[in-house]
Every structure is written in structure tokens, then in C-alpha cells.
Protein backbone atom coordinates (compact mmCIF):
# COMPACT_ATOMS: atom_id res chain seq x y z
CA MET A 1 39.46 31.06 -16.82
CA LEU A 2 41.37 32.94 -14.13
CA VAL A 3 39.12 35.54 -12.45
CA GLU A 4 38.80 37.58 -9.31
CA PRO A 5 36.22 35.91 -7.03
CA ARG A 6 33.86 38.91 -7.11
CA PHE A 7 33.43 38.55 -10.91
CA ALA A 8 33.16 34.76 -11.07
CA ALA A 9 29.35 34.79 -11.34
CA VAL A 10 29.47 36.02 -14.95
CA PHE A 11 31.15 32.72 -15.93
CA GLU A 12 28.99 30.44 -13.79
CA GLY A 13 27.14 27.77 -15.74
CA ASN A 14 28.97 28.49 -19.00
CA PRO A 15 29.39 25.11 -20.74
CA LEU A 16 32.40 26.35 -22.73
CA ILE A 17 34.50 26.91 -19.62
CA ASP A 18 36.07 23.80 -18.10
CA GLU A 19 37.25 25.40 -14.88
CA VAL A 20 37.26 28.73 -13.09
CA ILE A 21 40.43 29.48 -11.12
CA PHE A 22 40.11 32.12 -8.44
CA SER A 23 42.83 34.74 -8.28
CA ALA A 24 44.42 35.07 -4.83
CA GLY A 25 47.91 36.12 -3.74
CA LEU A 26 50.53 36.40 -6.45
CA VAL A 27 52.55 33.37 -5.32
CA GLU A 28 49.49 31.20 -4.63
CA THR A 29 47.92 32.06 -7.98
CA THR A 30 51.17 31.44 -9.85
CA LEU A 31 51.43 27.99 -8.28
CA GLN A 32 47.83 27.22 -9.24
CA ILE A 33 48.57 28.05 -12.87
CA ARG A 34 51.92 26.23 -13.02
CA ARG A 35 50.47 23.05 -11.51
CA ARG A 36 48.01 22.75 -14.38
CA GLY A 37 50.69 22.87 -17.08
CA PHE A 38 48.73 24.89 -19.63
CA SER A 39 50.15 24.78 -23.15
CA THR A 40 48.99 28.34 -23.84
CA VAL A 41 48.10 31.36 -21.68
CA PHE A 42 46.22 34.37 -23.06
CA ASN A 43 46.46 37.54 -21.00
CA GLN A 44 43.09 39.16 -21.70
CA HIS A 45 43.48 41.70 -18.90
CA GLY A 46 46.75 43.35 -19.81
CA GLY A 47 47.65 44.89 -16.46
CA PRO A 48 51.01 44.43 -14.70
CA ARG A 49 49.81 41.73 -12.28
CA SER A 50 48.28 39.63 -15.05
CA ALA A 51 51.47 40.10 -17.11
CA LEU A 52 53.58 38.76 -14.22
CA LEU A 53 51.22 35.79 -13.81
CA THR A 54 51.46 35.08 -17.54
CA GLY A 55 55.24 35.27 -17.49
CA ALA A 56 55.48 33.01 -14.42
CA SER A 57 52.98 30.47 -15.76
CA GLY A 58 55.63 28.21 -17.26
CA SER A 59 53.49 27.83 -20.38
CA PRO A 60 55.43 27.46 -23.64
CA VAL A 61 53.09 29.95 -25.37
CA GLN A 62 52.34 33.22 -23.55
CA ILE A 63 50.16 35.64 -25.49
CA GLY A 64 49.53 39.33 -24.81
CA TRP A 65 49.38 42.73 -26.52
CA LYS A 66 52.78 44.08 -27.50
CA ASP A 67 52.19 47.68 -26.40
CA HIS A 68 51.02 46.87 -22.87
CA GLN A 69 53.08 47.14 -19.71
CA TYR A 70 55.61 44.31 -19.23
CA SER A 71 54.92 43.05 -22.75
CA PHE A 72 58.49 41.69 -22.87
CA LEU A 73 57.14 38.78 -20.79
CA TYR A 74 55.07 37.50 -23.74
CA ASN A 75 56.67 35.32 -26.38
CA VAL A 76 53.70 35.96 -28.67
CA GLN A 77 53.00 39.70 -28.92
CA VAL A 78 49.73 40.75 -30.55
CA PRO A 79 49.59 44.06 -32.49
CA GLU A 80 47.38 46.83 -31.16
CA ALA A 81 44.03 47.68 -32.75
CA GLN A 82 45.29 50.29 -35.23
CA GLU A 83 47.81 47.85 -36.68
CA PHE A 84 45.64 44.74 -36.44
CA TYR A 85 42.28 46.08 -37.64
CA GLY A 86 43.43 49.23 -39.42
CA ARG A 87 41.39 51.45 -37.09
CA PRO A 88 41.90 52.42 -33.44
CA ASP A 89 38.27 52.61 -32.25
CA VAL A 90 37.40 48.93 -32.03
CA HIS A 91 34.88 47.42 -29.65
CA ALA A 92 36.30 45.83 -26.49
CA VAL A 93 35.09 42.43 -27.72
CA GLU A 94 36.92 42.87 -31.03
CA HIS A 95 40.04 43.95 -29.15
CA ARG A 96 40.06 40.80 -27.03
CA MET A 97 39.30 38.56 -29.99
CA SER A 98 42.43 39.84 -31.75
CA GLN A 99 44.56 37.64 -29.48
CA PHE A 100 42.77 34.52 -30.70
CA TYR A 101 42.90 35.62 -34.34
CA TRP A 102 46.65 36.28 -34.01
CA ALA A 103 47.06 32.79 -32.53
CA GLY A 104 45.40 31.21 -35.56
CA LEU A 105 41.63 31.28 -35.04
CA PRO A 106 40.03 32.03 -38.43
CA ARG A 107 38.34 35.41 -38.51
CA GLY A 108 34.59 35.44 -38.78
CA PRO A 109 31.40 36.75 -37.18
CA ILE A 110 31.74 37.07 -33.42
CA PRO A 111 28.92 35.17 -31.70
CA PRO A 112 26.70 36.92 -29.16
CA THR A 113 27.93 37.19 -25.61
CA LYS A 114 26.22 34.94 -23.09
CA VAL A 115 25.66 35.04 -19.35
CA PHE A 116 23.84 32.20 -17.62
CA VAL A 117 21.26 32.55 -14.85
CA GLN A 118 21.36 30.10 -11.95
CA THR A 119 18.10 28.65 -10.64
CA ASP A 120 18.72 29.44 -6.98
CA ALA A 121 19.58 33.05 -7.82
CA ARG A 122 16.41 33.42 -9.90
CA GLN A 123 14.32 32.07 -7.02
CA SER A 124 16.02 34.37 -4.51
CA VAL A 125 15.37 37.44 -6.67
CA ALA A 126 11.73 36.41 -7.20
CA ARG A 127 11.23 36.28 -3.43
CA LYS A 128 12.87 39.70 -2.93
CA LEU A 129 10.80 41.28 -5.69
CA ALA A 130 7.58 39.74 -4.36
CA ALA A 131 8.35 41.14 -0.92
CA ASN A 132 8.41 44.58 -2.57
CA GLY A 133 5.21 44.11 -4.55
CA ILE A 134 6.63 42.98 -7.91
CA THR A 135 5.01 39.66 -8.77
CA SER A 136 6.20 37.15 -11.36
CA ASP A 137 3.71 38.45 -13.96
CA GLN A 138 4.61 42.13 -13.47
CA ALA A 139 6.80 43.73 -16.15
CA TYR A 140 9.67 45.70 -14.69
CA ALA A 141 12.68 47.71 -15.86
CA VAL A 142 16.06 47.71 -14.16
CA LEU A 143 17.51 51.20 -13.70
CA GLN A 144 21.21 51.70 -12.98
CA PRO A 145 21.96 55.23 -11.68
CA GLY A 146 25.39 54.32 -10.29
CA ALA A 147 28.75 54.45 -12.08
CA ARG A 148 32.44 54.53 -11.18
CA PHE A 149 32.70 58.33 -11.30
CA SER A 150 30.21 61.06 -10.46
CA GLU A 151 30.67 62.70 -13.88
CA MET A 152 29.40 59.47 -15.50
CA ARG A 153 26.09 59.52 -13.58
CA TRP A 154 22.88 60.75 -15.13
CA PRO A 155 20.89 62.62 -12.41
CA VAL A 156 18.71 60.57 -10.09
CA THR A 157 15.88 63.07 -10.54
CA LYS A 158 15.86 62.31 -14.27
CA PHE A 159 15.85 58.56 -13.59
CA ALA A 160 12.83 59.21 -11.36
CA GLU A 161 11.06 61.06 -14.17
CA LEU A 162 11.86 58.25 -16.59
CA ALA A 163 10.53 55.67 -14.12
CA GLY A 164 7.25 57.59 -13.86
CA TRP A 165 6.95 57.69 -17.66
CA LEU A 166 7.62 53.93 -17.98
CA TRP A 167 4.81 53.23 -15.53
CA ALA A 168 2.35 55.73 -17.01
CA LYS A 169 2.91 54.74 -20.65
CA TYR A 170 3.74 51.03 -20.48
CA GLY A 171 2.71 49.83 -17.02
CA ILE A 172 6.34 48.92 -16.34
CA THR A 173 7.49 49.34 -12.76
CA SER A 174 11.15 50.00 -11.91
CA ALA A 175 13.75 48.13 -9.89
CA VAL A 176 16.72 50.39 -9.17
CA ASN A 177 20.04 48.63 -8.68
CA CYS A 178 22.49 50.00 -6.12
CA SER A 179 25.53 48.26 -4.73
CA ALA A 180 26.04 47.89 -1.00
CA GLN A 181 28.75 50.58 -1.25
CA GLU A 182 26.31 53.15 -2.62
CA ALA A 183 24.30 53.87 0.53
CA ALA A 184 24.17 57.61 -0.11
CA LEU A 185 22.94 57.04 -3.66
CA ALA A 186 20.31 54.59 -2.44
CA GLN A 187 19.06 57.18 0.04
CA GLU A 188 18.84 59.77 -2.75
CA ILE A 189 16.89 57.35 -4.93
CA ARG A 190 14.41 56.53 -2.18
CA ALA A 191 13.82 60.24 -1.66
CA ALA A 192 13.34 60.88 -5.39
CA MET A 193 11.15 57.83 -6.09
CA PRO A 194 8.94 57.28 -3.05
CA GLY A 195 6.53 54.46 -3.78
CA SER A 196 7.36 54.33 -7.48
CA ALA A 197 10.44 52.10 -7.53
CA VAL A 198 12.03 49.22 -5.67
CA VAL A 199 15.63 49.88 -4.61
CA ALA A 200 17.65 46.68 -4.97
CA ASP A 201 20.68 47.38 -2.80
CA ASN A 202 21.21 43.95 -1.27
CA LEU A 203 21.89 41.77 -4.33
CA ASP A 204 25.08 39.87 -5.06
CA VAL A 205 26.29 39.53 -8.66
CA ARG A 206 24.50 36.20 -9.15
CA GLU A 207 21.22 37.79 -8.09
CA LEU A 208 21.87 40.87 -10.21
CA ILE A 209 22.23 38.63 -13.25
CA ALA A 210 18.91 36.98 -12.39
CA LEU A 211 17.22 40.35 -11.84
CA ILE A 212 18.34 41.71 -15.21
CA SER A 213 17.58 38.47 -17.06
CA SER A 214 13.83 38.87 -16.52
CA ALA A 215 13.68 42.63 -17.03
CA ARG A 216 11.57 44.07 -19.82
CA LEU A 217 14.19 46.80 -20.17
CA PHE A 218 17.53 47.92 -18.75
CA VAL A 219 18.44 51.62 -18.58
CA GLY A 220 21.65 52.79 -16.97
CA ASN A 221 24.98 54.52 -17.05
CA ASP A 222 27.93 52.74 -18.61
CA SER A 223 28.78 50.26 -15.85
CA GLY A 224 29.20 46.57 -15.04
CA PRO A 225 25.43 45.95 -14.84
CA ALA A 226 24.99 47.49 -18.31
CA HIS A 227 27.43 44.93 -19.71
CA ILE A 228 25.58 42.13 -17.91
CA ALA A 229 22.36 43.33 -19.58
CA ALA A 230 24.10 43.28 -22.96
CA GLY A 231 25.49 39.80 -22.23
CA LEU A 232 21.97 38.63 -21.41
CA GLN A 233 20.69 40.10 -24.70
CA ARG A 234 18.11 42.23 -22.88
CA PRO A 235 16.69 45.43 -24.40
CA THR A 236 19.31 47.87 -23.17
CA VAL A 237 19.75 51.65 -23.17
CA VAL A 238 23.18 52.81 -21.99
CA ILE A 239 24.16 56.40 -21.14
CA PHE A 240 27.71 57.35 -22.14
CA SER A 241 29.83 60.32 -21.11
CA ARG A 242 33.56 59.87 -20.46
CA THR A 243 33.70 56.33 -21.87
CA ASP A 244 33.51 55.65 -25.60
CA PRO A 245 30.40 53.89 -26.94
CA ALA A 246 32.49 52.69 -29.89
CA GLN A 247 34.34 50.48 -27.38
CA TRP A 248 31.62 49.66 -24.86
CA ARG A 249 28.19 49.87 -26.54
CA PRO A 250 25.85 46.84 -26.48
CA LEU A 251 26.55 44.77 -29.57
CA HIS A 252 23.13 43.14 -29.92
CA ALA A 253 20.23 44.52 -31.95
CA ALA A 254 18.18 45.51 -28.90
CA GLY A 255 20.86 47.88 -27.62
CA ARG A 256 20.67 51.68 -27.77
CA VAL A 257 23.17 54.40 -26.87
CA VAL A 258 22.52 57.92 -25.57
CA SER A 259 25.70 59.96 -25.24
CA THR A 260 27.07 63.41 -24.55
CA GLY A 261 28.59 63.44 -28.05
CA ALA A 262 32.12 63.24 -26.65
CA GLN A 263 35.02 62.68 -29.05
CA PHE A 264 37.91 60.38 -28.20
CA GLU A 265 41.47 59.46 -29.08
CA HIS A 266 42.48 55.79 -28.84
CA PRO A 267 46.11 55.22 -27.89
CA ARG A 268 45.36 51.50 -27.47
CA GLY A 269 42.52 49.18 -28.32
CA ASP A 270 41.36 49.17 -24.71
CA LYS A 271 41.90 52.87 -24.00
CA ALA A 272 40.02 56.02 -24.91
CA ILE A 273 40.86 59.60 -23.94
CA VAL A 274 38.22 62.33 -24.10
CA VAL A 275 39.41 65.17 -26.34
CA HIS A 276 36.12 67.06 -26.56
CA GLN A 277 32.86 66.75 -24.66
CA PRO A 278 30.24 69.27 -25.82
CA ARG A 279 28.01 68.79 -22.78
CA PRO A 280 28.06 67.02 -19.39
CA VAL A 281 26.06 63.87 -18.76
CA THR A 282 23.65 65.92 -16.64
CA ALA A 283 22.61 67.81 -19.81
CA ILE A 284 21.22 64.67 -21.47
CA SER A 285 17.47 65.12 -21.48
CA VAL A 286 14.74 62.78 -20.32
CA ASP A 287 13.24 63.06 -23.80
CA GLU A 288 16.38 61.51 -25.30
CA LEU A 289 16.06 58.54 -22.98
CA ARG A 290 12.33 58.24 -23.64
CA ALA A 291 12.99 58.12 -27.37
CA ALA A 292 15.58 55.35 -26.98
CA CYS A 293 13.28 53.36 -24.68
CA ALA A 294 10.33 53.80 -27.05
CA GLU A 295 12.38 52.35 -29.91
CA LEU A 296 12.74 49.16 -27.89
CA LEU A 297 9.31 49.08 -26.26
CA GLY A 298 7.24 50.43 -29.15
CA GLY A 299 5.03 53.51 -29.24
């Protein structure tokens, strides 16, 4: 598995992966791949850099989607979702699996995604939570108010109201995840939730996985942490606005979606373009989130 170092934690401990290769400079990474003499390379990313790496790999079988940039570099070109599945709005997991089906893997039920927690990360998170008053026997929810774009972010004040309801109704405290790059957001959260939530703004990805793995519930905007929660099979409520839940919703039974009702076009299996959004993400009510949480928590 070739990955950028910052995402490597999601593959750590996975017994089905023989080796993780860290992406570096283009020449250095190309040499790493060529030295290993792989018989087949699947380009699951699809961007121009990954296409160049696939083409330079020296592998006799180079597999990628035929409608992506630099697709002429692949000697096995996989049809896009509309042609392959007969519908354009496929889930991202289905889209990626199409490469393996095209290469000969028999079609069948797709097994659940898995992310593995490392012992040292679990212990580190336990210490950090304990230092903030969350003991090992205390139920907590992970809240994710951040997202790539501001128009994808449900208001912090509404997250604060939801956190208060989770505590009052279920006795569940809240741990709010913020990245180190979201200092302004962390400050806003601390102002909106004084004494009612722990702001986790100093976790690496390994620790974030550990934090979510023990959570009673995850609630957040469509984001990387939401996909980690889905991969860990945790009860998950995801808020969607400009991204399509058909492509990115949690696939497991304990996943719920609350959306703006946006409609999308799908030029490719991994792309969605908003054609109509009847309301902004800020218009989603706290009651809608409460209802989704109650479905998972009971009551």
C-alpha cells in the first residue's frame, strides 16, 4: 500500500497489508516501486501524480479508471461507474472495488471496513482523557465540528446544544476533535462549551483512531474523522451539505445521515457536483440531529 505518511495510521496493524510504502518525492517513490517488481499496480487515487507513478512503476499490469487524467498510462482501463454499475451515484467503496472486479475478482458482498487501534495510542488517549476528567468508565461522544470548507460546517453553537442534550438525557459527555490547524475553531468551541466538553486539539491520527474507537457515539460533519468512525463501526451520525451521502455515507448499520437535501450530478464515480441545495448546512436543526442520535442511543 503506497500512502502519504500523514494517512499511514489508518493502515497500521492491518493483517491484510504486507507492507506500507511511504510516498516521498516523485523520483524517490518511483524507485521504491520499481525495486519491488510488482506484477500489478492498482491506482486507487486517480490523480495525475498517482497516474505518473503507476505508469513509471514498470509493472506489466497497470490498472486505473479510463476517464481519469493521464489514463493513457494504464494498460488496463476500468469503466466509470455509470458504465460499470449502470448507475452514476455509487458509494466510494463500490467505486474503488470496481478496479478489482474488472481485474477478475468475483463480485459479491463487500466486507465491512476495518481500522485497527494500537495499544500505545489507546493508552495515550486514556491518559489525556483522564487529565480532563473523563475516566475509563465514563461514556463519551466524539463531536467533529471541523470540515474542509466553512459551508460544510454545522454551527458550533448547535454542537454545543447537542452536547448539552447528550449529557442531560444520556449522561454522555463530549470530546470535541479539532486539528492543530484549527486554533480559531478550538477557541470558538471553548467559548461555546465552557465546562461541558473536552477539546481534543493535540491528537495525532493514531490517537484520533483510539479516541473514536471507544466512543459511545460519533457526530460530525463529513470529514476524515467521520470516515474513521465508520471504519471502526462506531454509531455514527454524519452531517452532509456539499458532498453526496450516496458516495460518502457510513455503510454499516449503525450509521445515520442528516443532510441539507442537496441534489447532485455525478460526472465520475468519485465526483459529485451540487445542482440544487434547498438550504445551507446552518439551517439543519438540532432536533434533526437529536432524532438521528436517539435512533442509535435509544429513547
